[in-house]
PDB file of all heavy atoms in Angstrom:
ATOM      1  N   ARG A   1       0.836  -1.196  -0.021  1.00  0.00           N
ATOM      2  CA  ARG A   1       0.010   0.010  -0.007  1.00  0.00           C
ATOM      3  C   ARG A   1       0.877   1.243   0.019  1.00  0.00           C
ATOM      4  O   ARG A   1       2.025   1.211   0.366  1.00  0.00           O
ATOM      5  CB  ARG A   1      -0.960  -0.026   1.192  1.00  0.00           C
ATOM      6  CG  ARG A   1      -1.923  -1.122   1.136  1.00  0.00           C
ATOM      7  CD  ARG A   1      -2.969  -1.114   2.270  1.00  0.00           C
ATOM      8  NE  ARG A   1      -2.373  -1.473   3.558  1.00  0.00           N
ATOM      9  CZ  ARG A   1      -3.062  -1.763   4.622  1.00  0.00           C
ATOM     10  NH1 ARG A   1      -4.375  -1.668   4.578  1.00  0.00           N
ATOM     11  NH2 ARG A   1      -2.483  -2.081   5.764  1.00  0.00           N
ATOM     12  N   ILE A   2       0.269   2.358  -0.440  1.00  0.00           N
ATOM     13  CA  ILE A   2       0.977   3.616  -0.533  1.00  0.00           C
ATOM     14  C   ILE A   2       1.593   4.002   0.820  1.00  0.00           C
ATOM     15  O   ILE A   2       0.890   3.984   1.855  1.00  0.00           O
ATOM     16  CB  ILE A   2       0.039   4.737  -1.027  1.00  0.00           C
ATOM     17  CG1 ILE A   2      -0.316   4.482  -2.492  1.00  0.00           C
ATOM     18  CG2 ILE A   2       0.692   6.135  -0.899  1.00  0.00           C
ATOM     19  CD1 ILE A   2      -1.296   5.522  -3.081  1.00  0.00           C
ATOM     20  N   GLY A   3       2.879   4.370   0.814  1.00  0.00           N
ATOM     21  CA  GLY A   3       3.545   4.837   2.042  1.00  0.00           C
ATOM     22  C   GLY A   3       3.942   3.758   3.029  1.00  0.00           C
ATOM     23  O   GLY A   3       4.425   4.093   4.107  1.00  0.00           O
ATOM     24  N   ASP A   4       3.724   2.476   2.661  1.00  0.00           N
ATOM     25  CA  ASP A   4       4.048   1.439   3.645  1.00  0.00           C
ATOM     26  C   ASP A   4       5.552   1.393   3.899  1.00  0.00           C
ATOM     27  O   ASP A   4       6.338   1.568   2.973  1.00  0.00           O
ATOM     28  CB  ASP A   4       3.541   0.060   3.161  1.00  0.00           C
ATOM     29  CG  ASP A   4       3.251  -0.870   4.314  1.00  0.00           C
ATOM     30  OD1 ASP A   4       3.542  -0.495   5.466  1.00  0.00           O
ATOM     31  OD2 ASP A   4       2.795  -2.012   4.103  1.00  0.00           O
ATOM     32  N   GLN A   5       5.925   1.165   5.097  1.00  0.00           N
ATOM     33  CA  GLN A   5       7.325   1.123   5.542  1.00  0.00           C
ATOM     34  C   GLN A   5       7.785  -0.283   5.694  1.00  0.00           C
ATOM     35  O   GLN A   5       7.106  -1.098   6.354  1.00  0.00           O
ATOM     36  CB  GLN A   5       7.494   1.897   6.874  1.00  0.00           C
ATOM     37  CG  GLN A   5       7.061   3.364   6.756  1.00  0.00           C
ATOM     38  CD  GLN A   5       6.671   3.903   8.145  1.00  0.00           C
ATOM     39  OE1 GLN A   5       6.155   3.234   9.007  1.00  0.00           O
ATOM     40  NE2 GLN A   5       6.906   5.276   8.319  1.00  0.00           N
ATOM     41  N   ARG A   6       8.919  -0.655   5.079  1.00  0.00           N
ATOM     42  CA  ARG A   6       9.468  -2.006   5.257  1.00  0.00           C
ATOM     43  C   ARG A   6       9.838  -2.220   6.736  1.00  0.00           C
ATOM     44  O   ARG A   6       9.704  -3.308   7.249  1.00  0.00           O
ATOM     45  CB  ARG A   6      10.645  -2.279   4.340  1.00  0.00           C
ATOM     46  CG  ARG A   6      10.412  -2.124   2.829  1.00  0.00           C
ATOM     47  CD  ARG A   6       9.293  -3.054   2.332  1.00  0.00           C
ATOM     48  NE  ARG A   6       9.373  -3.276   0.945  1.00  0.00           N
ATOM     49  CZ  ARG A   6       8.714  -2.562  -0.010  1.00  0.00           C
ATOM     50  NH1 ARG A   6       7.985  -1.551   0.387  1.00  0.00           N
ATOM     51  NH2 ARG A   6       8.780  -2.848  -1.277  1.00  0.00           N
ATOM     52  N   TYR A   7      10.363  -1.174   7.356  1.00  0.00           N
ATOM     53  CA  TYR A   7      10.873  -1.256   8.696  1.00  0.00           C
ATOM     54  C   TYR A   7      10.618   0.032   9.413  1.00  0.00           C
ATOM     55  O   TYR A   7      11.039   1.113   8.963  1.00  0.00           O
ATOM     56  CB  TYR A   7      12.391  -1.587   8.674  1.00  0.00           C
ATOM     57  CG  TYR A   7      13.028  -1.723  10.055  1.00  0.00           C
ATOM     58  CD1 TYR A   7      13.120  -3.047  10.654  1.00  0.00           C
ATOM     59  CD2 TYR A   7      13.493  -0.664  10.826  1.00  0.00           C
ATOM     60  CE1 TYR A   7      13.675  -3.184  11.902  1.00  0.00           C
ATOM     61  CE2 TYR A   7      14.059  -0.853  12.052  1.00  0.00           C
ATOM     62  CZ  TYR A   7      14.142  -2.125  12.598  1.00  0.00           C
ATOM     63  OH  TYR A   7      14.707  -2.312  13.799  1.00  0.00           O
ATOM     64  N   TYR A   8       9.847  -0.061  10.493  1.00  0.00           N
ATOM     65  CA  TYR A   8       9.753   1.130  11.418  1.00  0.00           C
ATOM     66  C   TYR A   8       9.783   0.619  12.857  1.00  0.00           C
ATOM     67  O   TYR A   8       8.856  -0.126  13.276  1.00  0.00           O
ATOM     68  CB  TYR A   8       8.489   1.983  11.188  1.00  0.00           C
ATOM     69  CG  TYR A   8       8.481   3.126  12.091  1.00  0.00           C
ATOM     70  CD1 TYR A   8       9.154   4.333  11.717  1.00  0.00           C
ATOM     71  CD2 TYR A   8       7.987   3.062  13.387  1.00  0.00           C
ATOM     72  CE1 TYR A   8       9.250   5.401  12.593  1.00  0.00           C
ATOM     73  CE2 TYR A   8       8.096   4.175  14.251  1.00  0.00           C
ATOM     74  CZ  TYR A   8       8.763   5.273  13.870  1.00  0.00           C
ATOM     75  OH  TYR A   8       8.880   6.346  14.731  1.00  0.00           O
ATOM     76  N   VAL A   9      10.807   1.050  13.542  1.00  0.00           N
ATOM     77  CA  VAL A   9      10.859   0.792  15.020  1.00  0.00           C
ATOM     78  C   VAL A   9      11.236   2.117  15.674  1.00  0.00           C
ATOM     79  O   VAL A   9      12.141   2.831  15.204  1.00  0.00           O
ATOM     80  CB  VAL A   9      11.949  -0.266  15.321  1.00  0.00           C
ATOM     81  CG1 VAL A   9      12.170  -0.348  16.851  1.00  0.00           C
ATOM     82  CG2 VAL A   9      11.520  -1.629  14.759  1.00  0.00           C
ATOM     83  N   SER A  10      10.506   2.508  16.708  1.00  0.00           N
ATOM     84  CA  SER A  10      10.678   3.801  17.357  1.00  0.00           C
ATOM     85  C   SER A  10      11.965   3.815  18.215  1.00  0.00           C
ATOM     86  O   SER A  10      12.180   2.873  18.989  1.00  0.00           O
ATOM     87  CB  SER A  10       9.487   4.115  18.327  1.00  0.00           C
ATOM     88  OG  SER A  10       8.285   4.023  17.620  1.00  0.00           O
ATOM     89  N   ASP A  11      12.730   4.843  18.042  1.00  0.00           N
ATOM     90  CA  ASP A  11      13.775   5.161  19.000  1.00  0.00           C
ATOM     91  C   ASP A  11      13.099   5.910  20.104  1.00  0.00           C
ATOM     92  O   ASP A  11      12.746   7.120  19.971  1.00  0.00           O
ATOM     93  CB  ASP A  11      14.905   5.999  18.358  1.00  0.00           C
ATOM     94  CG  ASP A  11      16.023   6.283  19.344  1.00  0.00           C
ATOM     95  OD1 ASP A  11      15.900   6.027  20.532  1.00  0.00           O
ATOM     96  OD2 ASP A  11      17.103   6.750  18.841  1.00  0.00           O
ATOM     97  N   ILE A  12      12.921   5.272  21.292  1.00  0.00           N
ATOM     98  CA  ILE A  12      12.188   5.908  22.413  1.00  0.00           C
ATOM     99  C   ILE A  12      13.115   6.585  23.416  1.00  0.00           C
ATOM    100  O   ILE A  12      12.672   6.940  24.488  1.00  0.00           O
ATOM    101  CB  ILE A  12      11.299   4.859  23.062  1.00  0.00           C
ATOM    102  CG1 ILE A  12      12.170   3.663  23.581  1.00  0.00           C
ATOM    103  CG2 ILE A  12      10.204   4.346  22.127  1.00  0.00           C
ATOM    104  CD1 ILE A  12      11.340   2.608  24.363  1.00  0.00           C
ATOM    105  N   THR A  13      14.393   6.755  23.013  1.00  0.00           N
ATOM    106  CA  THR A  13      15.375   7.269  23.949  1.00  0.00           C
ATOM    107  C   THR A  13      15.007   8.666  24.457  1.00  0.00           C
ATOM    108  O   THR A  13      15.172   8.959  25.638  1.00  0.00           O
ATOM    109  CB  THR A  13      16.761   7.329  23.299  1.00  0.00           C
ATOM    110  OG1 THR A  13      17.090   6.032  22.799  1.00  0.00           O
ATOM    111  CG2 THR A  13      17.844   7.795  24.261  1.00  0.00           C
ATOM    112  N   ARG A  14      14.544   9.533  23.586  1.00  0.00           N
ATOM    113  CA  ARG A  14      14.288  10.927  23.994  1.00  0.00           C
ATOM    114  C   ARG A  14      13.224  10.968  25.106  1.00  0.00           C
ATOM    115  O   ARG A  14      13.476  11.614  26.146  1.00  0.00           O
ATOM    116  CB  ARG A  14      13.803  11.761  22.806  1.00  0.00           C
ATOM    117  CG  ARG A  14      13.405  13.200  23.214  1.00  0.00           C
ATOM    118  CD  ARG A  14      12.860  14.022  22.053  1.00  0.00           C
ATOM    119  NE  ARG A  14      13.922  14.419  21.137  1.00  0.00           N
ATOM    120  CZ  ARG A  14      13.687  15.230  20.095  1.00  0.00           C
ATOM    121  NH1 ARG A  14      12.500  15.617  19.804  1.00  0.00           N
ATOM    122  NH2 ARG A  14      14.742  15.546  19.262  1.00  0.00           N
ATOM    123  N   PHE A  15      12.125  10.252  24.980  1.00  0.00           N
ATOM    124  CA  PHE A  15      11.136  10.299  26.018  1.00  0.00           C
ATOM    125  C   PHE A  15      11.580   9.526  27.264  1.00  0.00           C
ATOM    126  O   PHE A  15      11.328  10.000  28.383  1.00  0.00           O
ATOM    127  CB  PHE A  15       9.811   9.725  25.500  1.00  0.00           C
ATOM    128  CG  PHE A  15       8.641   9.929  26.445  1.00  0.00           C
ATOM    129  CD1 PHE A  15       8.093  11.176  26.660  1.00  0.00           C
ATOM    130  CD2 PHE A  15       8.113   8.877  27.196  1.00  0.00           C
ATOM    131  CE1 PHE A  15       7.030  11.375  27.518  1.00  0.00           C
ATOM    132  CE2 PHE A  15       7.047   9.042  28.062  1.00  0.00           C
ATOM    133  CZ  PHE A  15       6.525  10.336  28.229  1.00  0.00           C
ATOM    134  N   ALA A  16      12.221   8.447  27.038  1.00  0.00           N
ATOM    135  CA  ALA A  16      12.719   7.606  28.214  1.00  0.00           C
ATOM    136  C   ALA A  16      13.686   8.430  29.045  1.00  0.00           C
ATOM    137  O   ALA A  16      13.652   8.426  30.287  1.00  0.00           O
ATOM    138  CB  ALA A  16      13.328   6.350  27.724  1.00  0.00           C
ATOM    139  N   SER A  17      14.622   9.107  28.386  1.00  0.00           N
ATOM    140  CA  SER A  17      15.663   9.898  29.154  1.00  0.00           C
ATOM    141  C   SER A  17      15.051  11.106  29.796  1.00  0.00           C
ATOM    142  O   SER A  17      15.543  11.567  30.843  1.00  0.00           O
ATOM    143  CB  SER A  17      16.803  10.246  28.251  1.00  0.00           C
ATOM    144  OG  SER A  17      16.346  11.093  27.167  1.00  0.00           O
ATOM    145  N   SER A  18      13.987  11.626  29.232  1.00  0.00           N
ATOM    146  CA  SER A  18      13.349  12.812  29.795  1.00  0.00           C
ATOM    147  C   SER A  18      12.432  12.515  30.969  1.00  0.00           C
ATOM    148  O   SER A  18      12.185  13.395  31.805  1.00  0.00           O
ATOM    149  CB  SER A  18      12.506  13.573  28.731  1.00  0.00           C
ATOM    150  OG  SER A  18      13.306  14.023  27.648  1.00  0.00           O
ATOM    151  N   THR A  19      11.934  11.302  31.031  1.00  0.00           N
ATOM    152  CA  THR A  19      10.873  10.971  32.030  1.00  0.00           C
ATOM    153  C   THR A  19      11.128   9.750  32.851  1.00  0.00           C
ATOM    154  O   THR A  19      10.496   9.544  33.889  1.00  0.00           O
ATOM    155  CB  THR A  19       9.539  10.773  31.306  1.00  0.00           C
ATOM    156  OG1 THR A  19       9.593   9.656  30.482  1.00  0.00           O
ATOM    157  CG2 THR A  19       9.157  12.001  30.482  1.00  0.00           C
ATOM    158  N   GLY A  20      12.033   8.884  32.414  1.00  0.00           N
ATOM    159  CA  GLY A  20      12.239   7.593  33.049  1.00  0.00           C
ATOM    160  C   GLY A  20      11.289   6.513  32.656  1.00  0.00           C
ATOM    161  O   GLY A  20      11.358   5.406  33.179  1.00  0.00           O
ATOM    162  N   TRP A  21      10.433   6.776  31.693  1.00  0.00           N
ATOM    163  CA  TRP A  21       9.432   5.838  31.228  1.00  0.00           C
ATOM    164  C   TRP A  21      10.099   4.722  30.390  1.00  0.00           C
ATOM    165  O   TRP A  21      11.050   5.004  29.635  1.00  0.00           O
ATOM    166  CB  TRP A  21       8.357   6.499  30.346  1.00  0.00           C
ATOM    167  CG  TRP A  21       7.400   5.557  29.668  1.00  0.00           C
ATOM    168  CD1 TRP A  21       6.242   5.075  30.170  1.00  0.00           C
ATOM    169  CD2 TRP A  21       7.526   5.081  28.331  1.00  0.00           C
ATOM    170  NE1 TRP A  21       5.630   4.293  29.204  1.00  0.00           N
ATOM    171  CE2 TRP A  21       6.345   4.261  28.084  1.00  0.00           C
ATOM    172  CE3 TRP A  21       8.487   5.281  27.306  1.00  0.00           C
ATOM    173  CZ2 TRP A  21       6.180   3.629  26.864  1.00  0.00           C
ATOM    174  CZ3 TRP A  21       8.240   4.627  26.092  1.00  0.00           C
ATOM    175  CH2 TRP A  21       7.110   3.817  25.875  1.00  0.00           C
ATOM    176  N   ALA A  22       9.569   3.558  30.432  1.00  0.00           N
ATOM    177  CA  ALA A  22      10.047   2.431  29.573  1.00  0.00           C
ATOM    178  C   ALA A  22       8.865   1.452  29.462  1.00  0.00           C
ATOM    179  O   ALA A  22       8.103   1.239  30.406  1.00  0.00           O
ATOM    180  CB  ALA A  22      11.254   1.740  30.081  1.00  0.00           C
ATOM    181  N   PRO A  23       8.692   0.757  28.296  1.00  0.00           N
ATOM    182  CA  PRO A  23       7.679  -0.253  28.189  1.00  0.00           C
ATOM    183  C   PRO A  23       7.950  -1.405  29.160  1.00  0.00           C
ATOM    184  O   PRO A  23       9.100  -1.801  29.378  1.00  0.00           O
ATOM    185  CB  PRO A  23       7.778  -0.752  26.734  1.00  0.00           C
ATOM    186  CG  PRO A  23       8.526   0.377  26.023  1.00  0.00           C
ATOM    187  CD  PRO A  23       9.433   0.986  27.014  1.00  0.00           C
ATOM    188  N   LYS A  24       6.890  -1.921  29.733  1.00  0.00           N
ATOM    189  CA  LYS A  24       7.048  -2.996  30.732  1.00  0.00           C
ATOM    190  C   LYS A  24       6.442  -4.332  30.205  1.00  0.00           C
ATOM    191  O   LYS A  24       6.865  -5.395  30.689  1.00  0.00           O
ATOM    192  CB  LYS A  24       6.374  -2.644  32.022  1.00  0.00           C
ATOM    193  CG  LYS A  24       6.975  -1.468  32.755  1.00  0.00           C
ATOM    194  CD  LYS A  24       6.223  -1.133  34.021  1.00  0.00           C
ATOM    195  CE  LYS A  24       6.867   0.055  34.765  1.00  0.00           C
ATOM    196  NZ  LYS A  24       6.118   0.433  35.989  1.00  0.00           N
ATOM    197  N   VAL A  25       5.542  -4.272  29.246  1.00  0.00           N
ATOM    198  CA  VAL A  25       4.828  -5.476  28.801  1.00  0.00           C
ATOM    199  C   VAL A  25       5.460  -5.982  27.516  1.00  0.00           C
ATOM    200  O   VAL A  25       5.492  -5.263  26.517  1.00  0.00           O
ATOM    201  CB  VAL A  25       3.312  -5.179  28.590  1.00  0.00           C
ATOM    202  CG1 VAL A  25       2.582  -6.413  28.115  1.00  0.00           C
ATOM    203  CG2 VAL A  25       2.732  -4.617  29.891  1.00  0.00           C
ATOM    204  N   SER A  26       5.938  -7.186  27.544  1.00  0.00           N
ATOM    205  CA  SER A  26       6.590  -7.804  26.360  1.00  0.00           C
ATOM    206  C   SER A  26       5.507  -8.156  25.293  1.00  0.00           C
ATOM    207  O   SER A  26       4.324  -8.213  25.582  1.00  0.00           O
ATOM    208  CB  SER A  26       7.336  -9.074  26.738  1.00  0.00           C
ATOM    209  OG  SER A  26       6.429 -10.079  27.150  1.00  0.00           O
ATOM    210  N   VAL A  27       6.014  -8.377  24.073  1.00  0.00           N
ATOM    211  CA  VAL A  27       5.068  -8.795  22.999  1.00  0.00           C
ATOM    212  C   VAL A  27       4.351 -10.087  23.376  1.00  0.00           C
ATOM    213  O   VAL A  27       3.141 -10.229  23.231  1.00  0.00           O
ATOM    214  CB  VAL A  27       5.837  -8.963  21.684  1.00  0.00           C
ATOM    215  CG1 VAL A  27       4.956  -9.568  20.596  1.00  0.00           C
ATOM    216  CG2 VAL A  27       6.411  -7.667  21.242  1.00  0.00           C
ATOM    217  N   GLU A  28       5.043 -11.063  23.887  1.00  0.00           N
ATOM    218  CA  GLU A  28       4.459 -12.346  24.244  1.00  0.00           C
ATOM    219  C   GLU A  28       3.378 -12.145  25.310  1.00  0.00           C
ATOM    220  O   GLU A  28       2.257 -12.681  25.191  1.00  0.00           O
ATOM    221  CB  GLU A  28       5.509 -13.286  24.769  1.00  0.00           C
ATOM    222  CG  GLU A  28       5.007 -14.674  25.121  1.00  0.00           C
ATOM    223  CD  GLU A  28       6.086 -15.636  25.549  1.00  0.00           C
ATOM    224  OE1 GLU A  28       7.252 -15.232  25.653  1.00  0.00           O
ATOM    225  OE2 GLU A  28       5.759 -16.815  25.847  1.00  0.00           O
ATOM    226  N   VAL A  29       3.656 -11.399  26.379  1.00  0.00           N
ATOM    227  CA  VAL A  29       2.693 -11.201  27.452  1.00  0.00           C
ATOM    228  C   VAL A  29       1.540 -10.378  26.941  1.00  0.00           C
ATOM    229  O   VAL A  29       0.366 -10.686  27.243  1.00  0.00           O
ATOM    230  CB  VAL A  29       3.372 -10.543  28.643  1.00  0.00           C
ATOM    231  CG1 VAL A  29       2.349 -10.076  29.686  1.00  0.00           C
ATOM    232  CG2 VAL A  29       4.370 -11.464  29.304  1.00  0.00           C
ATOM    233  N   GLY A  30       1.792  -9.294  26.216  1.00  0.00           N
ATOM    234  CA  GLY A  30       0.719  -8.427  25.720  1.00  0.00           C
ATOM    235  C   GLY A  30      -0.232  -9.154  24.803  1.00  0.00           C
ATOM    236  O   GLY A  30      -1.455  -9.047  24.911  1.00  0.00           O
ATOM    237  N   LEU A  31       0.299  -9.971  23.885  1.00  0.00           N
ATOM    238  CA  LEU A  31      -0.597 -10.735  23.006  1.00  0.00           C
ATOM    239  C   LEU A  31      -1.390 -11.788  23.781  1.00  0.00           C
ATOM    240  O   LEU A  31      -2.608 -11.970  23.438  1.00  0.00           O
ATOM    241  CB  LEU A  31       0.257 -11.452  21.935  1.00  0.00           C
ATOM    242  CG  LEU A  31       0.793 -10.563  20.793  1.00  0.00           C
ATOM    243  CD1 LEU A  31       1.689 -11.405  19.874  1.00  0.00           C
ATOM    244  CD2 LEU A  31      -0.314  -9.946  19.976  1.00  0.00           C
ATOM    245  N   GLY A  32      -0.813 -12.372  24.761  1.00  0.00           N
ATOM    246  CA  GLY A  32      -1.582 -13.270  25.606  1.00  0.00           C
ATOM    247  C   GLY A  32      -2.746 -12.615  26.313  1.00  0.00           C
ATOM    248  O   GLY A  32      -3.822 -13.130  26.381  1.00  0.00           O
ATOM    249  N   ARG A  33      -2.474 -11.396  26.811  1.00  0.00           N
ATOM    250  CA  ARG A  33      -3.546 -10.671  27.481  1.00  0.00           C
ATOM    251  C   ARG A  33      -4.602 -10.265  26.510  1.00  0.00           C
ATOM    252  O   ARG A  33      -5.826 -10.336  26.845  1.00  0.00           O
ATOM    253  CB  ARG A  33      -2.965  -9.395  28.161  1.00  0.00           C
ATOM    254  CG  ARG A  33      -2.061  -9.642  29.343  1.00  0.00           C
ATOM    255  CD  ARG A  33      -1.534  -8.315  29.890  1.00  0.00           C
ATOM    256  NE  ARG A  33      -0.633  -8.540  30.994  1.00  0.00           N
ATOM    257  CZ  ARG A  33       0.013  -7.516  31.631  1.00  0.00           C
ATOM    258  NH1 ARG A  33      -0.215  -6.279  31.230  1.00  0.00           N
ATOM    259  NH2 ARG A  33       0.870  -7.786  32.578  1.00  0.00           N
ATOM    260  N   LEU A  34      -4.246  -9.799  25.347  1.00  0.00           N
ATOM    261  CA  LEU A  34      -5.262  -9.365  24.339  1.00  0.00           C
ATOM    262  C   LEU A  34      -6.040 -10.573  23.916  1.00  0.00           C
ATOM    263  O   LEU A  34      -7.303 -10.518  23.773  1.00  0.00           O
ATOM    264  CB  LEU A  34      -4.591  -8.773  23.163  1.00  0.00           C
ATOM    265  CG  LEU A  34      -5.513  -8.338  22.014  1.00  0.00           C
ATOM    266  CD1 LEU A  34      -6.631  -7.400  22.492  1.00  0.00           C
ATOM    267  CD2 LEU A  34      -4.719  -7.665  20.874  1.00  0.00           C
TER     268      LEU A  34
END
């Protein structure tokens, strides 16, 4: 489709370093919950 990206992964360093935030739920755990 138009504009589709072969690879997109967020560099979350800026927000993490500014706030201390980081994802806690892994893909495996999150999919299981959903």
